[in-house]
Amino acid sequence: MSALPVNFLEQDARFLQIFHYTLVASVALLVYDYLLTLREEVRFMWLRRMTFGKILFFLNRYLPFAAGFISIYSYTLTLQTGFTTCRNYYIAASVLTYFSFVVCLAILFTRTYAVWGSSRVIQNTLIVIFVCFVGTTSYGFSLHVRGATPVQLSDLPFTTFRRGCVMYFANDIILIDCVVLAVMETFVLLVSKSFINRSYGDSQSNVRLLDVMVRDGVGYFVCNIAITTANVVLLRRSSSFLRNFMLITQGILENILCTRLLLHVFVVHDAQMRRMLSTEGTLVELRALPKCPPHSSSM
């Protein structure tokens, strides 16, 4: 285990405890939201045929669980705090968190492609931009991971750290990845919004569904920008021990929002179909009613 950096302060120890509480609270929120939305998942996803969108949904749904539970175990529970063990735990949790961000953005891009009616131009544009995003952020992510070093705190008066790993981060290059992610999400929002402005000549049901998709997208964007801004501020102002403070939490929150984004579209579409079937059934019943003979007027 590497030696303790000289700039470790007691305040850092308190913030590390806050990080542990935040991590546990984030995973608890993930489990709670999972239980709330499990019924919709079973109804709309489990019995559907396997598609690319369904694969993305399940990756988005379950990757945060793996990342969250590995993080809780490695940061708060494990007694195996050797250098190699802690570093392997950190790499595993970080890779899962990174891929959860990638899957989430892939879902947003796929929604945008579907909104534009599977346009070939939009498809090629989104693929190029997505590949550039993955190439740029994966390089920055690899530098961030390589700059992370486990440190030993259990031999100090900080008895809280007798369990779990503590990481020291030599750089804050992950900040660039957060900014790039925010730019990509802004791009998706603008592209979706530009399409809805051109779609009011379509059928009313299509416009209604598109309105829901764009309105949900705006809400998703606002929440994610708030989360990303908080993360960027923490990255800039925190010590070298807290540069991973909000990344796992941000990944969990974004995946929760993305899951609800997808399921809400299915809920709205299902409600529209039920309404249409109900209306058609009513019309059929009205047509089946016996017609009253016309009254003959006597002179």
Protein backbone atom coordinates (compact mmCIF):
# COMPACT_ATOMS: atom_id res chain seq x y z
CA MET A 1 0.00 0.00 0.00
CA SER A 2 1.33 3.42 -0.88
CA ALA A 3 2.28 5.99 1.69
CA LEU A 4 -0.27 8.56 2.80
CA PRO A 5 -0.07 11.88 0.92
CA VAL A 6 1.04 14.68 3.20
CA ASN A 7 -1.90 16.93 2.29
CA PHE A 8 -4.51 14.64 3.86
CA LEU A 9 -6.54 16.65 6.36
CA GLU A 10 -9.05 15.74 9.02
CA GLN A 11 -11.63 17.61 6.95
CA ASP A 12 -10.94 15.18 4.10
CA ALA A 13 -11.74 12.32 6.45
CA ARG A 14 -15.11 13.86 7.27
CA PHE A 15 -15.88 14.37 3.58
CA LEU A 16 -14.91 10.77 2.87
CA GLN A 17 -17.51 9.72 5.42
CA ILE A 18 -20.06 11.89 3.62
CA PHE A 19 -19.05 10.18 0.39
CA HIS A 20 -19.78 6.79 1.96
CA TYR A 21 -23.20 7.95 3.16
CA THR A 22 -23.98 9.44 -0.25
CA LEU A 23 -22.96 6.24 -1.99
CA VAL A 24 -25.19 4.09 0.22
CA ALA A 25 -28.09 6.53 -0.18
CA SER A 26 -27.69 6.50 -3.97
CA VAL A 27 -27.84 2.71 -4.15
CA ALA A 28 -30.82 2.69 -1.78
CA LEU A 29 -32.58 5.15 -4.10
CA LEU A 30 -31.75 2.90 -7.06
CA VAL A 31 -33.30 -0.12 -5.33
CA TYR A 32 -36.37 1.90 -4.30
CA ASP A 33 -36.94 3.19 -7.83
CA TYR A 34 -36.44 -0.32 -9.20
CA LEU A 35 -39.23 -1.63 -7.00
CA LEU A 36 -41.49 1.26 -8.05
CA THR A 37 -40.98 0.65 -11.77
CA LEU A 38 -40.64 -3.14 -11.81
CA ARG A 39 -44.30 -3.59 -12.74
CA GLU A 40 -43.92 -1.43 -15.86
CA GLU A 41 -40.69 -3.20 -16.76
CA VAL A 42 -42.35 -6.61 -16.58
CA ARG A 43 -45.36 -5.41 -18.54
CA PHE A 44 -43.60 -3.57 -21.34
CA MET A 45 -40.15 -5.19 -21.60
CA TRP A 46 -39.98 -8.77 -20.38
CA LEU A 47 -42.37 -10.28 -22.93
CA ARG A 48 -41.20 -8.23 -25.90
CA ARG A 49 -38.96 -9.80 -28.50
CA MET A 50 -35.25 -9.12 -28.14
CA THR A 51 -34.23 -5.95 -29.96
CA PHE A 52 -31.34 -3.50 -29.81
CA GLY A 53 -33.49 -1.12 -27.78
CA LYS A 54 -34.40 -3.85 -25.30
CA ILE A 55 -30.73 -4.76 -24.84
CA LEU A 56 -29.91 -1.10 -24.14
CA PHE A 57 -32.77 -0.89 -21.67
CA PHE A 58 -31.58 -3.86 -19.61
CA LEU A 59 -27.96 -2.68 -19.69
CA ASN A 60 -29.11 0.73 -18.49
CA ARG A 61 -31.29 -0.91 -15.87
CA TYR A 62 -28.81 -3.32 -14.30
CA LEU A 63 -25.30 -1.92 -14.84
CA PRO A 64 -25.80 0.65 -12.03
CA PHE A 65 -26.63 -2.18 -9.61
CA ALA A 66 -23.32 -3.88 -10.35
CA ALA A 67 -21.37 -0.62 -10.10
CA GLY A 68 -23.19 0.49 -6.96
CA PHE A 69 -22.84 -2.73 -4.98
CA ILE A 70 -19.18 -3.18 -5.95
CA SER A 71 -18.55 0.41 -4.84
CA ILE A 72 -20.31 -0.05 -1.50
CA TYR A 73 -18.38 -3.23 -0.83
CA SER A 74 -14.99 -1.81 -1.84
CA TYR A 75 -15.35 1.59 -0.15
CA THR A 76 -17.15 0.65 3.07
CA LEU A 77 -17.15 -3.09 3.81
CA THR A 78 -14.09 -4.97 2.61
CA LEU A 79 -11.28 -5.83 4.98
CA GLN A 80 -9.00 -6.69 2.05
CA THR A 81 -7.48 -3.24 1.58
CA GLY A 82 -4.26 -4.20 -0.14
CA PHE A 83 -3.01 -2.06 -3.02
CA THR A 84 -3.83 -4.55 -5.79
CA THR A 85 -7.21 -5.54 -4.35
CA CYS A 86 -8.41 -1.97 -3.88
CA ARG A 87 -7.20 -0.95 -7.31
CA ASN A 88 -9.00 -3.88 -8.95
CA TYR A 89 -12.21 -3.01 -7.12
CA TYR A 90 -11.90 0.61 -8.20
CA ILE A 91 -11.25 -0.28 -11.85
CA ALA A 92 -14.23 -2.66 -11.92
CA ALA A 93 -16.63 -0.13 -10.40
CA SER A 94 -15.31 2.71 -12.58
CA VAL A 95 -15.57 0.72 -15.81
CA LEU A 96 -19.15 -0.28 -15.01
CA THR A 97 -20.01 3.34 -14.17
CA TYR A 98 -18.43 4.58 -17.41
CA PHE A 99 -20.35 2.05 -19.49
CA SER A 100 -23.57 3.04 -17.75
CA PHE A 101 -22.98 6.61 -18.98
CA VAL A 102 -22.26 5.31 -22.50
CA VAL A 103 -25.40 3.15 -22.55
CA CYS A 104 -27.50 6.04 -21.27
CA LEU A 105 -26.26 8.30 -24.07
CA ALA A 106 -26.78 5.50 -26.61
CA ILE A 107 -30.43 5.31 -25.52
CA LEU A 108 -30.83 9.06 -25.97
CA PHE A 109 -29.30 8.86 -29.44
CA THR A 110 -31.53 5.90 -30.34
CA ARG A 111 -34.62 7.84 -29.22
CA THR A 112 -33.55 10.78 -31.34
CA TYR A 113 -33.06 8.51 -34.34
CA ALA A 114 -36.55 7.03 -33.82
CA VAL A 115 -38.13 10.47 -33.41
CA TRP A 116 -36.70 11.53 -36.76
CA GLY A 117 -38.39 8.59 -38.48
CA SER A 118 -35.22 6.48 -38.88
CA SER A 119 -33.65 9.07 -41.17
CA ARG A 120 -30.43 7.80 -42.78
CA VAL A 121 -28.77 11.22 -42.50
CA ILE A 122 -29.63 11.49 -38.81
CA GLN A 123 -28.46 7.92 -38.24
CA ASN A 124 -25.04 8.51 -39.80
CA THR A 125 -24.63 11.83 -37.99
CA LEU A 126 -25.48 10.32 -34.62
CA ILE A 127 -23.16 7.35 -35.17
CA VAL A 128 -20.21 9.63 -36.00
CA ILE A 129 -20.89 11.87 -32.99
CA PHE A 130 -21.34 8.89 -30.67
CA VAL A 131 -18.07 7.29 -31.82
CA CYS A 132 -16.27 10.61 -31.24
CA PHE A 133 -17.81 10.83 -27.77
CA VAL A 134 -16.69 7.31 -26.83
CA GLY A 135 -13.19 7.88 -28.23
CA THR A 136 -12.73 11.19 -26.41
CA THR A 137 -14.19 10.22 -23.06
CA SER A 138 -12.65 6.74 -22.93
CA TYR A 139 -9.19 8.28 -23.29
CA GLY A 140 -9.87 10.80 -20.52
CA PHE A 141 -11.41 8.07 -18.39
CA SER A 142 -8.34 5.84 -18.79
CA LEU A 143 -6.06 8.70 -17.69
CA HIS A 144 -8.27 9.32 -14.67
CA VAL A 145 -8.21 5.64 -13.67
CA ARG A 146 -4.44 5.42 -14.11
CA GLY A 147 -4.07 8.41 -11.80
CA ALA A 148 -6.01 6.72 -8.98
CA THR A 149 -3.93 5.19 -6.19
CA PRO A 150 -5.13 3.33 -3.07
CA VAL A 151 -3.77 4.76 0.19
CA GLN A 152 -3.59 3.36 3.72
CA LEU A 153 -5.48 5.26 6.40
CA SER A 154 -6.21 2.53 8.94
CA ASP A 155 -2.92 3.11 10.78
CA LEU A 156 -3.94 6.70 11.59
CA PRO A 157 -6.35 7.94 14.26
CA PHE A 158 -9.13 7.75 11.63
CA THR A 159 -10.66 4.51 12.89
CA THR A 160 -13.56 4.88 10.46
CA PHE A 161 -11.28 3.66 7.70
CA ARG A 162 -10.45 0.29 9.23
CA ARG A 163 -12.78 -1.09 6.56
CA GLY A 164 -12.94 -0.22 2.89
CA CYS A 165 -10.54 1.27 0.38
CA VAL A 166 -9.53 4.92 0.09
CA MET A 167 -8.42 6.29 -3.27
CA TYR A 168 -6.11 9.21 -4.01
CA PHE A 169 -6.62 10.87 -7.42
CA ALA A 170 -3.64 12.49 -9.09
CA ASN A 171 -5.69 14.38 -11.71
CA ASP A 172 -9.14 15.80 -12.37
CA ILE A 173 -9.26 15.07 -16.10
CA ILE A 174 -12.59 13.32 -15.56
CA LEU A 175 -13.97 16.86 -15.43
CA ILE A 176 -13.56 17.05 -19.22
CA ASP A 177 -15.64 13.90 -19.65
CA CYS A 178 -18.44 15.42 -17.57
CA VAL A 179 -18.46 18.54 -19.73
CA VAL A 180 -18.44 16.50 -22.95
CA LEU A 181 -21.36 14.43 -21.65
CA ALA A 182 -23.33 17.60 -20.91
CA VAL A 183 -22.63 18.88 -24.44
CA MET A 184 -23.86 15.60 -25.95
CA GLU A 185 -27.07 15.69 -23.92
CA THR A 186 -27.65 19.30 -24.98
CA PHE A 187 -27.18 18.29 -28.61
CA VAL A 188 -29.76 15.49 -28.28
CA LEU A 189 -32.25 17.89 -26.72
CA LEU A 190 -31.85 20.46 -29.49
CA VAL A 191 -32.19 17.86 -32.26
CA SER A 192 -35.35 16.42 -30.69
CA LYS A 193 -36.82 19.87 -30.13
CA SER A 194 -36.15 20.89 -33.72
CA PHE A 195 -38.08 17.85 -34.94
CA ILE A 196 -41.16 18.46 -32.79
CA ASN A 197 -41.40 21.97 -34.21
CA ARG A 198 -41.83 20.43 -37.67
CA SER A 199 -44.27 17.71 -36.69
CA TYR A 200 -47.56 19.45 -36.08
CA GLY A 201 -48.88 18.36 -39.45
CA ASP A 202 -48.84 14.73 -38.35
CA SER A 203 -51.69 12.83 -36.72
CA GLN A 204 -52.78 14.03 -33.31
CA SER A 205 -51.70 10.81 -31.59
CA ASN A 206 -48.19 11.05 -33.05
CA VAL A 207 -47.91 14.68 -31.98
CA ARG A 208 -49.07 13.75 -28.48
CA LEU A 209 -46.46 11.01 -28.19
CA LEU A 210 -43.71 13.25 -29.57
CA ASP A 211 -44.73 16.00 -27.16
CA VAL A 212 -44.33 13.57 -24.27
CA MET A 213 -40.93 12.40 -25.53
CA VAL A 214 -39.61 15.94 -25.94
CA ARG A 215 -41.11 17.18 -22.66
CA ASP A 216 -39.60 14.23 -20.81
CA GLY A 217 -36.33 14.91 -22.61
CA VAL A 218 -36.33 18.51 -21.38
CA GLY A 219 -36.92 17.37 -17.81
CA TYR A 220 -34.19 14.77 -18.13
CA PHE A 221 -31.81 17.39 -19.53
CA VAL A 222 -32.50 19.89 -16.73
CA CYS A 223 -31.94 17.27 -14.02
CA ASN A 224 -28.76 15.99 -15.63
CA ILE A 225 -27.33 19.46 -16.12
CA ALA A 226 -27.96 20.18 -12.42
CA ILE A 227 -26.25 16.92 -11.43
CA THR A 228 -23.32 17.49 -13.81
CA THR A 229 -22.87 21.08 -12.60
CA ALA A 230 -22.74 19.92 -8.99
CA ASN A 231 -20.22 17.25 -9.95
CA VAL A 232 -18.03 19.73 -11.84
CA VAL A 233 -18.03 22.13 -8.87
CA LEU A 234 -17.01 19.30 -6.53
CA LEU A 235 -14.27 18.19 -8.91
CA ARG A 236 -12.85 21.70 -9.04
CA ARG A 237 -13.11 22.48 -5.33
CA SER A 238 -12.57 19.15 -3.58
CA SER A 239 -9.33 17.57 -2.48
CA SER A 240 -7.54 14.81 -4.33
CA PHE A 241 -9.45 12.20 -2.30
CA LEU A 242 -12.89 13.33 -3.47
CA ARG A 243 -12.55 13.53 -7.24
CA ASN A 244 -14.74 10.46 -7.55
CA PHE A 245 -17.26 11.82 -5.07
CA MET A 246 -20.31 12.28 -7.32
CA LEU A 247 -19.47 10.14 -10.36
CA ILE A 248 -21.17 6.97 -9.14
CA THR A 249 -24.12 8.96 -7.79
CA GLN A 250 -24.42 10.85 -11.08
CA GLY A 251 -24.38 7.59 -13.02
CA ILE A 252 -27.10 6.10 -10.82
CA LEU A 253 -29.32 9.19 -11.05
CA GLU A 254 -28.93 9.45 -14.82
CA ASN A 255 -29.79 5.79 -15.27
CA ILE A 256 -32.88 6.15 -13.08
CA LEU A 257 -34.04 9.12 -15.14
CA CYS A 258 -33.27 7.33 -18.40
CA THR A 259 -35.26 4.26 -17.33
CA ARG A 260 -38.25 6.40 -16.44
CA LEU A 261 -37.86 8.24 -19.74
CA LEU A 262 -38.25 4.98 -21.66
CA LEU A 263 -41.01 3.47 -19.55
CA HIS A 264 -43.10 6.65 -19.68
CA VAL A 265 -43.17 6.48 -23.48
CA PHE A 266 -44.55 2.94 -23.27
CA VAL A 267 -47.14 4.00 -20.68
CA VAL A 268 -48.36 6.91 -22.83
CA HIS A 269 -48.44 4.81 -25.99
CA ASP A 270 -50.35 2.05 -24.21
CA ALA A 271 -52.89 4.57 -22.88
CA GLN A 272 -53.38 5.98 -26.39
CA MET A 273 -53.92 2.52 -27.85
CA ARG A 274 -56.46 1.66 -25.15
CA ARG A 275 -58.29 4.93 -25.79
CA MET A 276 -58.37 4.29 -29.53
CA LEU A 277 -59.63 0.72 -29.04
CA SER A 278 -62.28 1.94 -26.61
CA THR A 279 -63.44 4.57 -29.11
CA GLU A 280 -63.56 2.07 -31.95
CA GLY A 281 -65.49 -0.38 -29.77
CA THR A 282 -68.03 2.30 -28.92
CA LEU A 283 -68.49 3.15 -32.60
CA VAL A 284 -68.99 -0.53 -33.46
CA GLU A 285 -71.62 -0.85 -30.74
CA LEU A 286 -73.42 2.25 -32.00
CA ARG A 287 -73.45 0.92 -35.55
CA ALA A 288 -74.85 -2.38 -34.31
CA LEU A 289 -77.87 -0.74 -32.67
CA PRO A 290 -81.16 -1.29 -34.53
CA LYS A 291 -82.22 1.70 -36.51
CA CYS A 292 -85.58 3.22 -35.65
CA PRO A 293 -88.00 3.27 -38.61
CA PRO A 294 -88.92 6.73 -39.80
CA HIS A 295 -92.27 8.04 -38.50
CA SER A 296 -94.89 8.38 -41.21
CA SER A 297 -96.84 11.60 -41.00
CA SER A 298 -100.63 11.23 -41.48
CA MET A 299 -102.46 13.89 -43.45
